[in-house]
Amino acid sequence: MEMFENDGTWREGARKVVAFYLEGGEKLGKAMLDLHQGYTSWAKDTPLWSIFEAQRNAAKGMLEDSVAFNRKLWRIEKEA
């Protein structure tokens, strides 16, 4: 069947799209974490700082785990 002859090409194209999406999403996520830190810097010497720090650490962990899972799922190596 002609439709499935280029299946490898389709998969490689999809892998490239996913890699591009992951790279952009990871950069955006890190930028949002930096922005959050900047917006909450006023609370550095208050009890709220520990809450904001916990939020950032949780979000950073979820971002890293999500990207790592999808890289492994799609067999995408992280670019140097």
C-alpha atoms as a PDB file:
ATOM      1  CA  MET A   1       0.000   0.000   0.000  1.00  0.00           C
ATOM      2  CA  GLU A   2       1.434   3.320  -1.076  1.00  0.00           C
ATOM      3  CA  MET A   3       0.044   5.163   1.891  1.00  0.00           C
ATOM      4  CA  PHE A   4       2.361   3.352   4.349  1.00  0.00           C
ATOM      5  CA  GLU A   5       5.551   3.303   2.282  1.00  0.00           C
ATOM      6  CA  ASN A   6       6.742   6.631   3.711  1.00  0.00           C
ATOM      7  CA  ASP A   7       5.761   5.800   7.297  1.00  0.00           C
ATOM      8  CA  GLY A   8       9.354   6.295   8.518  1.00  0.00           C
ATOM      9  CA  THR A   9       9.489   9.713   6.879  1.00  0.00           C
ATOM     10  CA  TRP A  10       6.218  10.690   8.553  1.00  0.00           C
ATOM     11  CA  ARG A  11       7.477   9.564  11.967  1.00  0.00           C
ATOM     12  CA  GLU A  12      10.732  11.465  11.566  1.00  0.00           C
ATOM     13  CA  GLY A  13       8.815  14.579  10.574  1.00  0.00           C
ATOM     14  CA  ALA A  14       6.526  14.199  13.585  1.00  0.00           C
ATOM     15  CA  ARG A  15       9.551  13.696  15.835  1.00  0.00           C
ATOM     16  CA  LYS A  16      11.072  16.948  14.550  1.00  0.00           C
ATOM     17  CA  VAL A  17       7.831  18.820  15.204  1.00  0.00           C
ATOM     18  CA  VAL A  18       7.630  17.404  18.737  1.00  0.00           C
ATOM     19  CA  ALA A  19      11.295  18.283  19.383  1.00  0.00           C
ATOM     20  CA  PHE A  20      10.670  21.852  18.231  1.00  0.00           C
ATOM     21  CA  TYR A  21       7.545  22.057  20.395  1.00  0.00           C
ATOM     22  CA  LEU A  22       9.364  20.667  23.455  1.00  0.00           C
ATOM     23  CA  GLU A  23      12.286  23.047  23.027  1.00  0.00           C
ATOM     24  CA  GLY A  24       9.977  26.038  22.749  1.00  0.00           C
ATOM     25  CA  GLY A  25       7.785  24.907  25.618  1.00  0.00           C
ATOM     26  CA  GLU A  26      10.775  24.338  27.864  1.00  0.00           C
ATOM     27  CA  LYS A  27      12.168  27.802  27.096  1.00  0.00           C
ATOM     28  CA  LEU A  28       8.772  29.394  27.695  1.00  0.00           C
ATOM     29  CA  GLY A  29       8.326  27.503  30.965  1.00  0.00           C
ATOM     30  CA  LYS A  30      11.731  28.596  32.234  1.00  0.00           C
ATOM     31  CA  ALA A  31      11.005  32.187  31.225  1.00  0.00           C
ATOM     32  CA  MET A  32       7.719  32.056  33.137  1.00  0.00           C
ATOM     33  CA  LEU A  33       9.517  30.740  36.223  1.00  0.00           C
ATOM     34  CA  ASP A  34      12.018  33.605  35.979  1.00  0.00           C
ATOM     35  CA  LEU A  35       9.161  36.062  35.578  1.00  0.00           C
ATOM     36  CA  HIS A  36       7.417  34.580  38.623  1.00  0.00           C
ATOM     37  CA  GLN A  37      10.580  35.004  40.656  1.00  0.00           C
ATOM     38  CA  GLY A  38      10.835  38.623  39.575  1.00  0.00           C
ATOM     39  CA  TYR A  39       7.200  39.375  40.361  1.00  0.00           C
ATOM     40  CA  THR A  40       7.438  37.815  43.808  1.00  0.00           C
ATOM     41  CA  SER A  41      10.805  39.297  44.777  1.00  0.00           C
ATOM     42  CA  TRP A  42       9.010  41.859  46.947  1.00  0.00           C
ATOM     43  CA  ALA A  43       8.219  39.037  49.378  1.00  0.00           C
ATOM     44  CA  LYS A  44      11.834  37.991  49.936  1.00  0.00           C
ATOM     45  CA  ASP A  45      11.887  38.974  53.614  1.00  0.00           C
ATOM     46  CA  THR A  46       8.350  37.833  54.416  1.00  0.00           C
ATOM     47  CA  PRO A  47       6.773  34.495  55.302  1.00  0.00           C
ATOM     48  CA  LEU A  48       5.198  34.440  51.831  1.00  0.00           C
ATOM     49  CA  TRP A  49       8.581  33.898  50.208  1.00  0.00           C
ATOM     50  CA  SER A  50       8.676  30.236  51.237  1.00  0.00           C
ATOM     51  CA  ILE A  51       5.263  29.687  49.611  1.00  0.00           C
ATOM     52  CA  PHE A  52       6.368  31.354  46.367  1.00  0.00           C
ATOM     53  CA  GLU A  53       9.619  29.390  46.414  1.00  0.00           C
ATOM     54  CA  ALA A  54       7.701  26.127  46.920  1.00  0.00           C
ATOM     55  CA  GLN A  55       5.436  27.009  43.980  1.00  0.00           C
ATOM     56  CA  ARG A  56       8.443  27.678  41.750  1.00  0.00           C
ATOM     57  CA  ASN A  57      10.193  24.482  42.794  1.00  0.00           C
ATOM     58  CA  ALA A  58       7.056  22.415  42.150  1.00  0.00           C
ATOM     59  CA  ALA A  59       6.511  24.031  38.749  1.00  0.00           C
ATOM     60  CA  LYS A  60      10.176  23.569  37.817  1.00  0.00           C
ATOM     61  CA  GLY A  61      10.006  19.892  38.774  1.00  0.00           C
ATOM     62  CA  MET A  62       6.828  19.342  36.740  1.00  0.00           C
ATOM     63  CA  LEU A  63       8.337  21.127  33.745  1.00  0.00           C
ATOM     64  CA  GLU A  64      11.546  19.084  33.877  1.00  0.00           C
ATOM     65  CA  ASP A  65       9.695  15.792  34.400  1.00  0.00           C
ATOM     66  CA  SER A  66       7.251  16.498  31.579  1.00  0.00           C
ATOM     67  CA  VAL A  67       9.982  17.419  29.105  1.00  0.00           C
ATOM     68  CA  ALA A  68      12.120  14.426  30.114  1.00  0.00           C
ATOM     69  CA  PHE A  69       9.154  12.044  29.786  1.00  0.00           C
ATOM     70  CA  ASN A  70       8.276  13.307  26.309  1.00  0.00           C
ATOM     71  CA  ARG A  71      11.889  13.232  25.156  1.00  0.00           C
ATOM     72  CA  LYS A  72      12.092   9.608  26.250  1.00  0.00           C
ATOM     73  CA  LEU A  73       8.705   8.759  24.721  1.00  0.00           C
ATOM     74  CA  TRP A  74       9.646  10.252  21.353  1.00  0.00           C
ATOM     75  CA  ARG A  75      13.336   9.218  21.609  1.00  0.00           C
ATOM     76  CA  ILE A  76      14.533  12.801  21.251  1.00  0.00           C
ATOM     77  CA  GLU A  77      18.000  13.695  22.447  1.00  0.00           C
ATOM     78  CA  LYS A  78      18.411  17.012  24.219  1.00  0.00           C
ATOM     79  CA  GLU A  79      20.304  19.516  22.092  1.00  0.00           C
ATOM     80  CA  ALA A  80      23.619  20.680  23.528  1.00  0.00           C
END
